[in-house]
């Protein structure tokens, strides 16, 4: 076996179900990012005059982005691990 084959791991094909689960978080975060670009007035961080802390932090596009990241990190990753064990 050559040094290249030892250094580069084999490509693992995921099932369609695993691909969908892995894509939900990033697609949700991307949707929130697109929402923020389409409706920039929804992001009050861009014009915070006279707004309180919670009004600045709790913005729908920011929450959608955070939800996508949290889903990918804390739900999809363990679920993918379980799917890989189930499928063998």
Protein backbone atom coordinates (compact mmCIF):
# COMPACT_ATOMS: atom_id res chain seq x y z
CA UNK A 1 0.00 0.00 0.00
CA UNK A 2 1.42 3.36 -0.99
CA UNK A 3 1.87 6.34 1.33
CA UNK A 4 -0.92 8.16 -0.51
CA UNK A 5 -3.49 5.46 0.26
CA UNK A 6 -2.51 5.50 3.95
CA UNK A 7 -2.72 9.31 4.18
CA UNK A 8 -6.06 9.74 2.37
CA UNK A 9 -9.01 7.97 4.00
CA UNK A 10 -11.49 6.10 1.85
CA UNK A 11 -14.57 8.01 0.74
CA UNK A 12 -17.62 6.87 2.65
CA UNK A 13 -20.94 7.00 0.79
CA UNK A 14 -23.83 8.07 2.98
CA UNK A 15 -27.37 6.95 2.46
CA UNK A 16 -29.95 9.38 1.13
CA UNK A 17 -31.47 9.64 4.61
CA UNK A 18 -28.10 10.57 6.15
CA UNK A 19 -27.48 13.14 3.41
CA UNK A 20 -30.84 14.79 4.13
CA UNK A 21 -30.21 14.88 7.89
CA UNK A 22 -26.73 16.35 7.33
CA UNK A 23 -28.13 19.04 5.00
CA UNK A 24 -30.98 20.31 7.21
CA UNK A 25 -28.82 22.42 9.54
CA UNK A 26 -26.67 24.14 6.91
CA UNK A 27 -29.71 24.77 4.67
CA UNK A 28 -31.60 26.30 7.59
CA UNK A 29 -28.67 28.58 8.42
CA UNK A 30 -28.35 29.51 4.75
CA UNK A 31 -32.06 30.33 4.66
CA UNK A 32 -31.62 32.66 7.65
CA UNK A 33 -28.66 34.31 5.97
CA UNK A 34 -30.62 34.82 2.76
CA UNK A 35 -33.52 36.21 4.78
CA UNK A 36 -31.14 38.69 6.41
CA UNK A 37 -29.90 39.83 2.98
CA UNK A 38 -33.36 40.01 1.45
CA UNK A 39 -34.81 41.98 4.38
CA UNK A 40 -31.88 43.86 5.95
CA UNK A 41 -34.26 46.12 7.87
CA UNK A 42 -35.10 43.06 10.04
CA UNK A 43 -31.55 43.15 11.46
CA UNK A 44 -31.64 46.02 13.94
CA UNK A 45 -27.94 45.54 14.66
CA UNK A 46 -27.42 47.60 11.51
CA UNK A 47 -29.32 50.56 13.03
CA UNK A 48 -29.45 50.07 16.83
CA UNK A 49 -30.51 53.59 17.81
CA UNK A 50 -32.90 53.58 20.76
CA UNK A 51 -33.21 49.78 20.89
CA UNK A 52 -32.66 47.59 23.96
CA UNK A 53 -30.34 44.59 24.22
CA UNK A 54 -33.02 41.92 23.71
CA UNK A 55 -34.53 43.78 20.81
CA UNK A 56 -31.10 43.68 19.13
CA UNK A 57 -30.30 40.05 19.90
CA UNK A 58 -33.66 38.39 19.28
CA UNK A 59 -34.09 38.97 15.57
CA UNK A 60 -35.81 36.32 13.45
CA UNK A 61 -33.05 35.90 10.80
CA UNK A 62 -30.39 35.66 13.52
CA UNK A 63 -32.46 33.10 15.39
CA UNK A 64 -32.90 31.00 12.23
CA UNK A 65 -29.14 31.06 11.60
CA UNK A 66 -28.45 30.08 15.22
CA UNK A 67 -31.05 27.31 15.03
CA UNK A 68 -29.42 25.86 11.90
CA UNK A 69 -25.99 25.87 13.55
CA UNK A 70 -27.32 24.34 16.77
CA UNK A 71 -29.22 21.66 14.86
CA UNK A 72 -26.13 20.72 12.87
CA UNK A 73 -23.96 20.55 15.99
CA UNK A 74 -26.23 18.97 18.58
CA UNK A 75 -28.92 17.04 16.70
CA UNK A 76 -27.61 16.04 13.28
CA UNK A 77 -24.15 14.91 14.37
CA UNK A 78 -25.37 12.34 16.95
CA UNK A 79 -28.21 11.29 14.65
CA UNK A 80 -25.76 10.66 11.81
CA UNK A 81 -23.62 8.60 14.15
CA UNK A 82 -26.66 6.49 15.06
CA UNK A 83 -27.62 6.10 11.39
CA UNK A 84 -24.11 4.93 10.51
CA UNK A 85 -24.23 2.33 13.28
CA UNK A 86 -27.70 1.18 12.18
CA UNK A 87 -26.75 0.86 8.51
CA UNK A 88 -23.46 -0.82 9.34
